[in-house]
N, C-alpha and C. Protein backbone atom coordinates (compact mmCIF):
# COMPACT_ATOMS: atom_id res chain seq x y z
N MET A 1 0.84 -1.18 0.00
CA MET A 1 0.00 0.00 0.00
C MET A 1 0.88 1.24 0.00
N ALA A 2 0.47 2.26 -0.70
CA ALA A 2 1.23 3.51 -0.75
C ALA A 2 0.97 4.28 0.53
N LYS A 3 1.89 4.10 1.53
CA LYS A 3 1.71 4.74 2.82
C LYS A 3 3.06 5.06 3.42
N CYS A 4 3.21 6.28 3.94
CA CYS A 4 4.45 6.70 4.59
C CYS A 4 4.49 6.09 5.99
N GLU A 5 5.64 5.53 6.37
CA GLU A 5 5.75 4.89 7.68
C GLU A 5 5.93 5.90 8.81
N PHE A 6 6.21 7.16 8.50
CA PHE A 6 6.42 8.16 9.54
C PHE A 6 5.22 9.06 9.74
N CYS A 7 4.70 9.64 8.67
CA CYS A 7 3.58 10.59 8.82
C CYS A 7 2.23 9.93 8.53
N GLU A 8 2.23 8.65 8.15
CA GLU A 8 0.99 7.90 7.86
C GLU A 8 0.20 8.46 6.69
N LYS A 9 0.86 9.25 5.81
CA LYS A 9 0.18 9.76 4.63
C LYS A 9 -0.13 8.58 3.70
N ALA A 10 -1.36 8.50 3.21
CA ALA A 10 -1.79 7.37 2.39
C ALA A 10 -2.61 7.87 1.20
N VAL A 11 -3.14 6.94 0.45
CA VAL A 11 -3.95 7.23 -0.73
C VAL A 11 -5.25 7.91 -0.30
N THR A 12 -5.65 8.96 -1.04
CA THR A 12 -6.95 9.59 -0.81
C THR A 12 -7.78 9.48 -2.08
N PHE A 13 -9.08 9.46 -1.92
CA PHE A 13 -9.99 9.25 -3.04
C PHE A 13 -10.86 10.47 -3.27
N GLY A 14 -11.27 10.63 -4.51
CA GLY A 14 -12.15 11.74 -4.86
C GLY A 14 -12.71 11.53 -6.25
N ASN A 15 -13.11 12.63 -6.88
CA ASN A 15 -13.72 12.56 -8.20
C ASN A 15 -13.02 13.48 -9.18
N ASN A 16 -12.90 13.02 -10.44
CA ASN A 16 -12.62 13.92 -11.53
C ASN A 16 -13.95 14.55 -11.91
N VAL A 17 -13.97 15.85 -12.08
CA VAL A 17 -15.21 16.52 -12.47
C VAL A 17 -14.95 17.22 -13.80
N SER A 18 -15.68 16.82 -14.84
CA SER A 18 -15.48 17.38 -16.16
C SER A 18 -16.21 18.71 -16.29
N HIS A 19 -15.99 19.36 -17.40
CA HIS A 19 -16.66 20.63 -17.68
C HIS A 19 -18.17 20.47 -17.71
N SER A 20 -18.63 19.31 -18.16
CA SER A 20 -20.08 19.05 -18.19
C SER A 20 -20.58 18.50 -16.86
N ASN A 21 -19.72 18.52 -15.82
CA ASN A 21 -20.05 18.14 -14.45
C ASN A 21 -20.29 16.65 -14.27
N ARG A 22 -19.73 15.84 -15.18
CA ARG A 22 -19.77 14.38 -14.97
C ARG A 22 -18.67 14.02 -14.00
N LYS A 23 -18.91 13.01 -13.17
CA LYS A 23 -17.94 12.63 -12.15
C LYS A 23 -17.46 11.20 -12.37
N THR A 24 -16.15 11.02 -12.35
CA THR A 24 -15.55 9.70 -12.38
C THR A 24 -14.57 9.63 -11.22
N SER A 25 -14.45 8.46 -10.62
CA SER A 25 -13.62 8.35 -9.43
C SER A 25 -12.14 8.36 -9.79
N ARG A 26 -11.33 8.87 -8.88
CA ARG A 26 -9.89 8.90 -9.07
C ARG A 26 -9.24 8.81 -7.70
N MET A 27 -7.91 8.68 -7.69
CA MET A 27 -7.19 8.66 -6.43
C MET A 27 -5.91 9.47 -6.53
N TRP A 28 -5.50 9.99 -5.39
CA TRP A 28 -4.22 10.70 -5.27
C TRP A 28 -3.31 9.83 -4.43
N LYS A 29 -2.11 9.55 -4.98
CA LYS A 29 -1.15 8.73 -4.24
C LYS A 29 0.00 9.61 -3.75
N PRO A 30 0.50 9.36 -2.55
CA PRO A 30 1.66 10.11 -2.06
C PRO A 30 2.92 9.65 -2.78
N ASN A 31 3.91 10.53 -2.82
CA ASN A 31 5.17 10.24 -3.49
C ASN A 31 6.06 9.45 -2.53
N ILE A 32 5.98 8.12 -2.61
CA ILE A 32 6.66 7.22 -1.67
C ILE A 32 7.96 6.71 -2.28
N ARG A 33 9.02 6.69 -1.46
CA ARG A 33 10.32 6.18 -1.88
C ARG A 33 10.81 5.15 -0.87
N LYS A 34 11.50 4.12 -1.35
CA LYS A 34 12.14 3.16 -0.46
C LYS A 34 13.55 3.67 -0.18
N VAL A 35 13.84 3.93 1.10
CA VAL A 35 15.08 4.58 1.49
C VAL A 35 15.69 3.83 2.67
N LYS A 36 17.02 3.74 2.67
CA LYS A 36 17.70 3.22 3.85
C LYS A 36 17.89 4.38 4.80
N ALA A 37 17.34 4.25 6.01
CA ALA A 37 17.35 5.34 6.98
C ALA A 37 17.79 4.83 8.34
N VAL A 38 18.15 5.78 9.21
CA VAL A 38 18.51 5.45 10.58
C VAL A 38 17.24 5.54 11.42
N VAL A 39 16.79 4.38 11.94
CA VAL A 39 15.58 4.32 12.76
C VAL A 39 15.96 3.68 14.09
N ASP A 40 15.80 4.43 15.18
CA ASP A 40 16.17 3.97 16.53
C ASP A 40 17.61 3.49 16.61
N GLY A 41 18.50 4.19 15.91
CA GLY A 41 19.92 3.88 15.96
C GLY A 41 20.39 2.77 15.05
N THR A 42 19.47 2.16 14.29
CA THR A 42 19.85 1.08 13.38
C THR A 42 19.51 1.47 11.95
N HIS A 43 20.25 0.93 11.00
CA HIS A 43 19.97 1.17 9.59
C HIS A 43 18.84 0.24 9.17
N LYS A 44 17.84 0.83 8.55
CA LYS A 44 16.64 0.07 8.19
C LYS A 44 16.12 0.57 6.86
N SER A 45 15.54 -0.31 6.07
CA SER A 45 14.94 0.07 4.81
C SER A 45 13.46 0.38 5.06
N VAL A 46 13.06 1.62 4.76
CA VAL A 46 11.69 2.06 5.06
C VAL A 46 11.09 2.73 3.83
N TYR A 47 9.76 2.75 3.79
CA TYR A 47 9.03 3.47 2.75
C TYR A 47 8.56 4.79 3.35
N ILE A 48 9.06 5.91 2.80
CA ILE A 48 8.68 7.22 3.31
C ILE A 48 8.31 8.14 2.15
N CYS A 49 7.51 9.15 2.47
CA CYS A 49 7.14 10.12 1.44
C CYS A 49 8.27 11.13 1.29
N THR A 50 8.33 11.77 0.15
CA THR A 50 9.42 12.69 -0.13
C THR A 50 9.34 13.94 0.73
N ARG A 51 8.18 14.29 1.22
CA ARG A 51 8.05 15.45 2.11
C ARG A 51 8.75 15.19 3.44
N CYS A 52 8.62 13.99 4.00
CA CYS A 52 9.33 13.65 5.24
C CYS A 52 10.84 13.61 5.00
N LEU A 53 11.24 13.12 3.85
CA LEU A 53 12.66 13.06 3.52
C LEU A 53 13.23 14.46 3.35
N ARG A 54 12.51 15.34 2.68
CA ARG A 54 12.98 16.69 2.42
C ARG A 54 13.00 17.54 3.68
N SER A 55 12.02 17.36 4.56
CA SER A 55 11.92 18.19 5.76
C SER A 55 12.89 17.77 6.85
N GLY A 56 13.52 16.61 6.71
CA GLY A 56 14.50 16.17 7.70
C GLY A 56 13.91 15.36 8.82
N LYS A 57 12.67 14.87 8.69
CA LYS A 57 12.09 14.01 9.72
C LYS A 57 12.81 12.67 9.78
N VAL A 58 13.41 12.27 8.65
CA VAL A 58 14.11 10.99 8.56
C VAL A 58 15.54 11.26 8.15
N GLN A 59 16.48 10.61 8.83
CA GLN A 59 17.88 10.76 8.48
C GLN A 59 18.31 9.57 7.65
N ARG A 60 18.86 9.85 6.46
CA ARG A 60 19.30 8.78 5.57
C ARG A 60 20.55 8.11 6.13
N ALA A 61 20.65 6.80 5.93
CA ALA A 61 21.84 6.06 6.33
C ALA A 61 22.92 6.26 5.28
N VAL A 62 24.12 6.53 5.72
CA VAL A 62 25.21 6.78 4.78
C VAL A 62 26.15 5.60 4.74
């Protein structure tokens, strides 16, 4: 499932609405990356969104 392990951001659902006001279902997925990060002092492979990675909530393992 497309879900960030830190901020719990996941898929959201809604509708495409055309000019003629017809509705079809769609979904928005978060930008998830598999990254090796330092979690509780150990190197671990985690799935995180790019916003958590960019903001510094997660420290990448070097």
